[in-house]
Amino acid sequence: MTAAADRLPLALTMGEPAGIGGEIALKAWANHRANLPAFFLIDDPARLERIAGDCGLDVALCPIGGPAEAVDAFPKALPVLPQPIPKPTAPGKPAAENVPAVLDAIRRAVECVRTGLAAALVTNPIHKHSLQAAGVTYPGHTEYLAHLAGGGAQSVMLLAIDTLRVVPVTVHEPLRTVANHLTRERIVLCGRITAEGLQRDFGIAHPRLAVAALNPHAGEAGALGHEEETIIAPAIADLAELGIAATGPHPADTLFHASARDAYDAVLCMYHDQALIPLKTIDFAGGVNVTLGLPFVRTSPDHGTAFGIAGQGIADETSLVAALRLADAIAARRQATPR
């Protein structure tokens, strides 16, 4: 992490007001601020005061008029860029009326980053069902951020811990429809964006990608499925023609053990749980979601709104802390080696 005086602050969004975003943001500042990059939280100060009281947290808040005030305020108080929430909610009880405020916090944070007022964007978890109930057509953060980026931005979700990076080629698709959404073109796009992201944001000069199979035993020469032969293997050949080192299709059940992980820098997985189960088994609390392919840096904690424990003071801020640190590291790398 670079010296605070040389760095812009990070912009952290509030996420779903009924979830744990406020609590983990308060805990990140209270417990880790000495070893964190400066950040400001876009949220409702009155709501944060209530959360601090409910969770027994002693956190000083500093409402700010803009990101420029955040770095100086950060050592003594958590800087908060006010974002009013229309309907106060009980923990675990989301309200569709608050969705516009949730989206506005994201929009404002992106604007801060794109106008050079913040170094990177870190987002707290949002609730996809609440978005749908409010008539929002974006399935989640990644799609909304691609919209805000404009220019037909194509993004990829990479999940990272210290010892593993995974990219789901299909993301929030029901398992029964995954094969229908799996295309040669999508695998190539994910592989290309992942390789570029590993070079630019992680400093890996020659990224090595492992590509997981979809079916058991990598399809067993067609006996257990044909996607490996008709979609995945041709996509790997396409990646090779682009100069990207990619191997596979590898049977997923042998791809994630410790010795196998030495052979690659990231895994392209065919569906959500194929990617997330090994990562969360290895390090449940420390995962970070990184959106590759955007014109700005965005990370988030690798968990959801956790309605079941919201308001109880027991939420773990570890993943958010990791997301803040990784966002700062990527932003510093981009600043040092601009395109």
Protein backbone atom coordinates (compact mmCIF):
# COMPACT_ATOMS: atom_id res chain seq x y z
CA MET A 1 0.00 0.00 0.00
CA THR A 2 1.36 3.39 -0.95
CA ALA A 3 1.51 6.38 1.37
CA ALA A 4 -1.89 7.93 2.05
CA ALA A 5 -0.69 11.37 1.01
CA ASP A 6 0.11 10.06 -2.48
CA ARG A 7 -3.15 8.21 -3.05
CA LEU A 8 -6.72 9.12 -3.73
CA PRO A 9 -9.29 7.57 -1.39
CA LEU A 10 -11.37 4.55 -2.33
CA ALA A 11 -15.12 4.92 -2.82
CA LEU A 12 -17.17 2.33 -0.87
CA THR A 13 -20.88 1.94 -1.55
CA MET A 14 -23.49 1.12 1.09
CA GLY A 15 -24.97 -1.94 -0.61
CA GLU A 16 -28.38 -3.23 0.47
CA PRO A 17 -29.45 -1.22 3.55
CA ALA A 18 -31.06 -4.26 5.20
CA GLY A 19 -27.89 -6.33 4.91
CA ILE A 20 -24.51 -6.35 6.63
CA GLY A 21 -22.78 -3.74 4.43
CA GLY A 22 -22.99 -0.96 6.99
CA GLU A 23 -21.76 -3.18 9.81
CA ILE A 24 -18.73 -4.52 7.96
CA ALA A 25 -17.82 -1.03 6.73
CA LEU A 26 -17.88 0.27 10.31
CA LYS A 27 -15.84 -2.72 11.50
CA ALA A 28 -13.31 -2.35 8.69
CA TRP A 29 -12.61 1.21 9.79
CA ALA A 30 -12.77 0.51 13.54
CA ASN A 31 -10.53 -2.56 13.51
CA HIS A 32 -8.20 -2.08 10.55
CA ARG A 33 -7.89 1.61 9.66
CA ALA A 34 -4.20 1.78 10.60
CA ASN A 35 -3.42 -0.75 7.87
CA LEU A 36 -6.00 0.21 5.26
CA PRO A 37 -6.01 2.71 2.41
CA ALA A 38 -8.23 5.70 3.11
CA PHE A 39 -11.80 5.20 1.95
CA PHE A 40 -15.09 7.01 2.20
CA LEU A 41 -18.49 5.38 2.50
CA ILE A 42 -21.49 6.56 0.48
CA ASP A 43 -24.31 5.97 2.96
CA ASP A 44 -26.86 7.54 5.27
CA PRO A 45 -25.06 8.82 8.42
CA ALA A 46 -28.18 8.41 10.58
CA ARG A 47 -28.47 4.78 9.49
CA LEU A 48 -24.82 4.16 10.32
CA GLU A 49 -25.29 5.65 13.79
CA ARG A 50 -28.15 3.20 14.38
CA ILE A 51 -26.08 0.26 13.17
CA ALA A 52 -23.16 1.25 15.37
CA GLY A 53 -25.46 1.41 18.38
CA ASP A 54 -27.21 -1.88 17.58
CA CYS A 55 -23.89 -3.69 17.06
CA GLY A 56 -22.04 -2.09 19.97
CA LEU A 57 -19.45 -0.38 17.76
CA ASP A 58 -17.63 2.76 18.84
CA VAL A 59 -17.07 4.49 15.50
CA ALA A 60 -16.70 8.21 14.90
CA LEU A 61 -18.37 9.37 11.68
CA CYS A 62 -17.35 12.39 9.63
CA PRO A 63 -19.89 13.54 7.02
CA ILE A 64 -17.97 15.02 4.08
CA GLY A 65 -18.91 17.29 1.22
CA GLY A 66 -16.72 15.47 -1.29
CA PRO A 67 -13.99 12.85 -1.70
CA ALA A 68 -11.22 15.45 -1.32
CA GLU A 69 -11.94 15.61 2.42
CA ALA A 70 -11.68 11.86 2.98
CA VAL A 71 -7.93 11.28 3.30
CA ASP A 72 -7.41 13.88 6.03
CA ALA A 73 -10.50 12.74 7.95
CA PHE A 74 -9.83 9.01 7.73
CA PRO A 75 -7.36 8.49 10.61
CA LYS A 76 -9.77 9.98 13.17
CA ALA A 77 -13.24 9.25 11.77
CA LEU A 78 -14.94 7.26 9.03
CA PRO A 79 -15.65 9.69 6.17
CA VAL A 80 -19.26 9.42 4.97
CA LEU A 81 -20.56 11.01 1.78
CA PRO A 82 -24.26 11.30 2.66
CA GLN A 83 -26.75 9.24 0.65
CA PRO A 84 -30.26 9.52 2.13
CA ILE A 85 -32.28 6.31 2.35
CA PRO A 86 -36.02 6.88 1.85
CA LYS A 87 -37.34 4.05 4.03
CA PRO A 88 -35.57 2.96 7.23
CA THR A 89 -35.62 -0.83 7.34
CA ALA A 90 -35.17 -3.47 9.98
CA PRO A 91 -32.15 -5.74 9.54
CA GLY A 92 -32.94 -8.51 7.08
CA LYS A 93 -36.07 -6.77 5.75
CA PRO A 94 -35.26 -5.10 2.41
CA ALA A 95 -37.58 -2.49 0.91
CA ALA A 96 -37.98 -1.90 -2.82
CA GLU A 97 -38.35 1.82 -2.08
CA ASN A 98 -34.63 1.95 -1.23
CA VAL A 99 -33.40 0.49 -4.52
CA PRO A 100 -33.04 3.91 -6.24
CA ALA A 101 -30.79 5.07 -3.38
CA VAL A 102 -28.73 1.88 -3.61
CA LEU A 103 -28.22 2.39 -7.34
CA ASP A 104 -27.53 6.10 -6.89
CA ALA A 105 -24.76 5.32 -4.41
CA ILE A 106 -23.15 3.07 -7.01
CA ARG A 107 -23.57 5.68 -9.74
CA ARG A 108 -22.04 8.40 -7.56
CA ALA A 109 -19.11 6.18 -6.63
CA VAL A 110 -18.42 5.37 -10.28
CA GLU A 111 -18.57 9.06 -11.10
CA CYS A 112 -16.04 9.80 -8.36
CA VAL A 113 -13.64 7.24 -9.81
CA ARG A 114 -14.11 8.23 -13.43
CA THR A 115 -13.59 11.93 -12.68
CA GLY A 116 -10.38 11.31 -10.76
CA LEU A 117 -11.75 12.00 -7.27
CA ALA A 118 -11.38 8.40 -6.05
CA ALA A 119 -8.82 5.73 -6.87
CA ALA A 120 -11.15 2.75 -7.13
CA LEU A 121 -14.64 1.47 -6.44
CA VAL A 122 -15.45 -1.07 -3.73
CA THR A 123 -19.06 -2.22 -3.50
CA ASN A 124 -20.93 -3.72 -0.59
CA PRO A 125 -23.40 -6.52 -1.42
CA ILE A 126 -26.76 -5.73 -3.00
CA HIS A 127 -29.90 -7.87 -3.10
CA LYS A 128 -30.81 -9.10 -6.58
CA HIS A 129 -34.42 -9.92 -5.69
CA SER A 130 -34.96 -6.37 -4.45
CA LEU A 131 -33.63 -5.04 -7.75
CA GLN A 132 -36.05 -7.25 -9.67
CA ALA A 133 -38.96 -6.27 -7.41
CA ALA A 134 -38.24 -2.61 -8.14
CA GLY A 135 -38.25 -3.23 -11.88
CA VAL A 136 -34.49 -3.01 -12.39
CA THR A 137 -33.40 -5.03 -15.41
CA TYR A 138 -29.75 -5.49 -14.41
CA PRO A 139 -29.19 -8.88 -12.72
CA GLY A 140 -26.49 -7.53 -10.42
CA HIS A 141 -23.53 -5.24 -9.86
CA THR A 142 -21.42 -6.44 -12.76
CA GLU A 143 -24.06 -5.75 -15.40
CA TYR A 144 -24.99 -2.36 -13.93
CA LEU A 145 -21.35 -1.32 -13.77
CA ALA A 146 -20.84 -2.33 -17.40
CA HIS A 147 -23.81 -0.09 -18.25
CA LEU A 148 -22.32 2.82 -16.30
CA ALA A 149 -18.96 2.27 -18.01
CA GLY A 150 -20.63 2.79 -21.39
CA GLY A 151 -19.09 2.13 -24.75
CA GLY A 152 -20.20 -1.51 -24.84
CA ALA A 153 -17.89 -2.50 -21.98
CA GLN A 154 -17.53 -6.26 -21.62
CA SER A 155 -16.68 -7.45 -18.14
CA VAL A 156 -15.70 -10.65 -16.40
CA MET A 157 -16.05 -11.63 -12.75
CA LEU A 158 -12.82 -12.91 -11.21
CA LEU A 159 -12.82 -14.25 -7.64
CA ALA A 160 -9.50 -14.24 -5.83
CA ILE A 161 -7.85 -15.48 -2.67
CA ASP A 162 -4.12 -15.69 -2.01
CA THR A 163 -3.80 -19.17 -3.53
CA LEU A 164 -6.50 -19.33 -6.21
CA ARG A 165 -8.21 -17.20 -8.86
CA VAL A 166 -11.35 -18.38 -10.64
CA VAL A 167 -13.57 -16.96 -13.37
CA PRO A 168 -17.09 -18.32 -13.95
CA VAL A 169 -17.87 -18.24 -17.68
CA THR A 170 -21.59 -18.38 -16.94
CA VAL A 171 -22.55 -16.58 -13.75
CA HIS A 172 -26.08 -16.33 -12.39
CA GLU A 173 -27.65 -19.00 -14.58
CA PRO A 174 -29.73 -21.86 -13.17
CA LEU A 175 -27.71 -25.07 -13.34
CA ARG A 176 -30.23 -26.69 -15.67
CA THR A 177 -29.61 -23.97 -18.30
CA VAL A 178 -25.82 -23.63 -18.04
CA ALA A 179 -25.09 -25.73 -21.12
CA ASN A 180 -27.49 -23.60 -23.17
CA HIS A 181 -25.58 -20.44 -22.24
CA LEU A 182 -22.11 -21.91 -22.74
CA THR A 183 -20.62 -20.83 -26.06
CA ARG A 184 -17.24 -20.96 -27.71
CA GLU A 185 -17.33 -17.18 -28.11
CA ARG A 186 -18.11 -16.58 -24.43
CA ILE A 187 -15.22 -18.79 -23.29
CA VAL A 188 -12.81 -16.97 -25.61
CA LEU A 189 -14.06 -13.57 -24.41
CA CYS A 190 -13.63 -14.58 -20.76
CA GLY A 191 -10.19 -16.01 -21.45
CA ARG A 192 -9.02 -12.90 -23.28
CA ILE A 193 -10.30 -10.46 -20.65
CA THR A 194 -8.90 -12.64 -17.86
CA ALA A 195 -5.45 -12.81 -19.45
CA GLU A 196 -5.42 -9.04 -19.99
CA GLY A 197 -6.55 -8.47 -16.40
CA LEU A 198 -3.90 -10.76 -14.95
CA GLN A 199 -1.25 -8.83 -16.86
CA ARG A 200 -2.51 -5.34 -16.12
CA ASP A 201 -3.89 -5.68 -12.60
CA PHE A 202 -1.89 -8.55 -11.08
CA GLY A 203 1.46 -8.04 -12.80
CA ILE A 204 1.61 -11.52 -14.35
CA ALA A 205 3.57 -11.10 -17.58
CA HIS A 206 2.58 -14.41 -19.16
CA PRO A 207 -0.70 -15.63 -17.63
CA ARG A 208 -1.48 -19.34 -17.63
CA LEU A 209 -5.15 -20.30 -17.79
CA ALA A 210 -6.61 -23.68 -16.93
CA VAL A 211 -10.01 -24.35 -18.46
CA ALA A 212 -12.38 -26.62 -16.56
CA ALA A 213 -14.61 -29.16 -18.22
CA LEU A 214 -18.38 -28.99 -17.85
CA ASN A 215 -19.17 -32.69 -17.58
CA PRO A 216 -17.82 -35.45 -15.29
CA HIS A 217 -14.46 -36.83 -16.45
CA ALA A 218 -14.30 -34.04 -19.07
CA GLY A 219 -17.07 -35.76 -20.98
CA GLU A 220 -15.16 -39.04 -21.36
CA ALA A 221 -14.77 -38.69 -25.14
CA GLY A 222 -18.44 -37.87 -25.56
CA ALA A 223 -19.84 -40.65 -23.40
CA LEU A 224 -20.82 -38.20 -20.65
CA GLY A 225 -21.47 -35.10 -22.73
CA HIS A 226 -20.25 -33.38 -25.87
CA GLU A 227 -19.62 -29.80 -24.70
CA GLU A 228 -15.92 -30.47 -24.17
CA GLU A 229 -15.47 -31.58 -27.79
CA THR A 230 -17.81 -29.13 -29.49
CA ILE A 231 -17.42 -25.94 -27.42
CA ILE A 232 -14.65 -25.93 -24.82
CA ALA A 233 -11.75 -27.51 -26.72
CA PRO A 234 -12.31 -25.32 -29.81
CA ALA A 235 -12.38 -22.26 -27.56
CA ILE A 236 -9.04 -23.28 -26.04
CA ALA A 237 -7.61 -23.57 -29.55
CA ASP A 238 -8.92 -20.08 -30.32
CA LEU A 239 -7.21 -18.72 -27.21
CA ALA A 240 -3.94 -20.34 -28.31
CA GLU A 241 -4.23 -18.55 -31.65
CA LEU A 242 -4.51 -15.29 -29.70
CA GLY A 243 -1.24 -16.11 -27.94
CA ILE A 244 -2.90 -16.97 -24.63
CA ALA A 245 -1.58 -19.99 -22.73
CA ALA A 246 -4.66 -22.07 -21.93
CA THR A 247 -4.91 -25.77 -21.19
CA GLY A 248 -7.83 -28.16 -20.83
CA PRO A 249 -10.61 -29.08 -20.70
CA HIS A 250 -9.59 -30.39 -17.28
CA PRO A 251 -11.86 -32.57 -15.13
CA ALA A 252 -13.01 -30.20 -12.42
CA ASP A 253 -12.64 -32.74 -9.61
CA THR A 254 -8.83 -32.81 -9.98
CA LEU A 255 -8.21 -29.18 -10.85
CA PHE A 256 -8.17 -27.42 -7.50
CA HIS A 257 -5.93 -29.43 -5.17
CA ALA A 258 -2.75 -27.77 -3.94
CA SER A 259 -0.28 -29.29 -6.39
CA ALA A 260 -2.54 -28.63 -9.40
CA ARG A 261 -2.77 -24.94 -8.51
CA ASP A 262 0.95 -24.48 -9.20
CA ALA A 263 0.34 -25.02 -12.92
CA TYR A 264 -1.92 -22.04 -13.61
CA ASP A 265 -2.67 -18.45 -12.64
CA ALA A 266 -6.46 -18.65 -13.00
CA VAL A 267 -9.16 -21.16 -13.85
CA LEU A 268 -11.98 -20.57 -16.31
CA CYS A 269 -14.92 -22.41 -14.78
CA MET A 270 -18.08 -23.24 -16.68
CA TYR A 271 -20.59 -22.22 -14.01
CA HIS A 272 -20.95 -20.34 -10.73
CA ASP A 273 -20.60 -23.09 -8.14
CA GLN A 274 -17.81 -24.86 -10.01
CA ALA A 275 -15.79 -21.70 -9.39
CA LEU A 276 -17.01 -20.68 -5.96
CA ILE A 277 -17.07 -23.98 -4.06
CA PRO A 278 -13.29 -24.63 -4.20
CA LEU A 279 -12.45 -20.99 -3.54
CA LYS A 280 -14.70 -20.71 -0.49
CA THR A 281 -13.62 -24.11 0.79
CA ILE A 282 -9.99 -23.00 0.77
CA ASP A 283 -10.64 -19.55 2.25
CA PHE A 284 -14.25 -18.88 3.21
CA ALA A 285 -13.77 -15.39 4.66
CA GLY A 286 -11.03 -13.89 2.51
CA GLY A 287 -12.34 -13.97 -1.04
CA VAL A 288 -12.52 -10.86 -3.23
CA ASN A 289 -14.62 -10.27 -6.34
CA VAL A 290 -12.75 -8.29 -9.02
CA THR A 291 -14.53 -7.04 -12.13
CA LEU A 292 -12.16 -7.26 -15.09
CA GLY A 293 -12.73 -5.41 -18.34
CA LEU A 294 -14.03 -2.13 -16.91
CA PRO A 295 -12.27 1.21 -17.46
CA PHE A 296 -12.04 1.62 -13.67
CA VAL A 297 -11.05 -0.60 -10.74
CA ARG A 298 -13.86 -2.38 -8.92
CA THR A 299 -13.71 -4.98 -6.18
CA SER A 300 -16.21 -6.28 -3.65
CA PRO A 301 -16.37 -8.75 -0.79
CA ASP A 302 -17.11 -12.27 -1.95
CA HIS A 303 -20.36 -12.73 -0.04
CA GLY A 304 -23.95 -11.57 -0.10
CA THR A 305 -26.19 -9.43 2.07
CA ALA A 306 -26.34 -12.04 4.88
CA PHE A 307 -29.84 -11.05 5.99
CA GLY A 308 -29.85 -13.92 8.49
CA ILE A 309 -27.20 -12.27 10.68
CA ALA A 310 -27.77 -8.59 9.86
CA GLY A 311 -28.03 -6.34 12.90
CA GLN A 312 -26.57 -8.88 15.32
CA GLY A 313 -23.03 -7.52 15.43
CA ILE A 314 -21.49 -10.82 14.30
CA ALA A 315 -20.74 -10.12 10.62
CA ASP A 316 -17.12 -10.75 9.59
CA GLU A 317 -15.43 -7.86 7.79
CA THR A 318 -12.46 -9.93 6.54
CA SER A 319 -13.60 -10.11 2.92
CA LEU A 320 -14.32 -6.37 2.76
CA VAL A 321 -10.90 -5.59 4.21
CA ALA A 322 -9.32 -7.81 1.54
CA ALA A 323 -11.40 -6.09 -1.15
CA LEU A 324 -10.25 -2.65 0.00
CA ARG A 325 -6.60 -3.70 0.02
CA LEU A 326 -6.78 -5.36 -3.38
CA ALA A 327 -8.58 -2.38 -4.93
CA ASP A 328 -5.83 -0.10 -3.65
CA ALA A 329 -3.10 -2.40 -4.96
CA ILE A 330 -4.67 -2.65 -8.42
CA ALA A 331 -5.25 1.11 -8.59
CA ALA A 332 -1.62 1.74 -7.60
CA ARG A 333 -0.40 -0.69 -10.26
CA ARG A 334 -2.51 1.00 -12.93
CA GLN A 335 -1.24 4.40 -11.85
CA ALA A 336 2.37 3.21 -12.03
CA THR A 337 1.96 1.47 -15.41
CA PRO A 338 -0.73 3.32 -17.37
CA ARG A 339 -1.78 2.02 -20.76
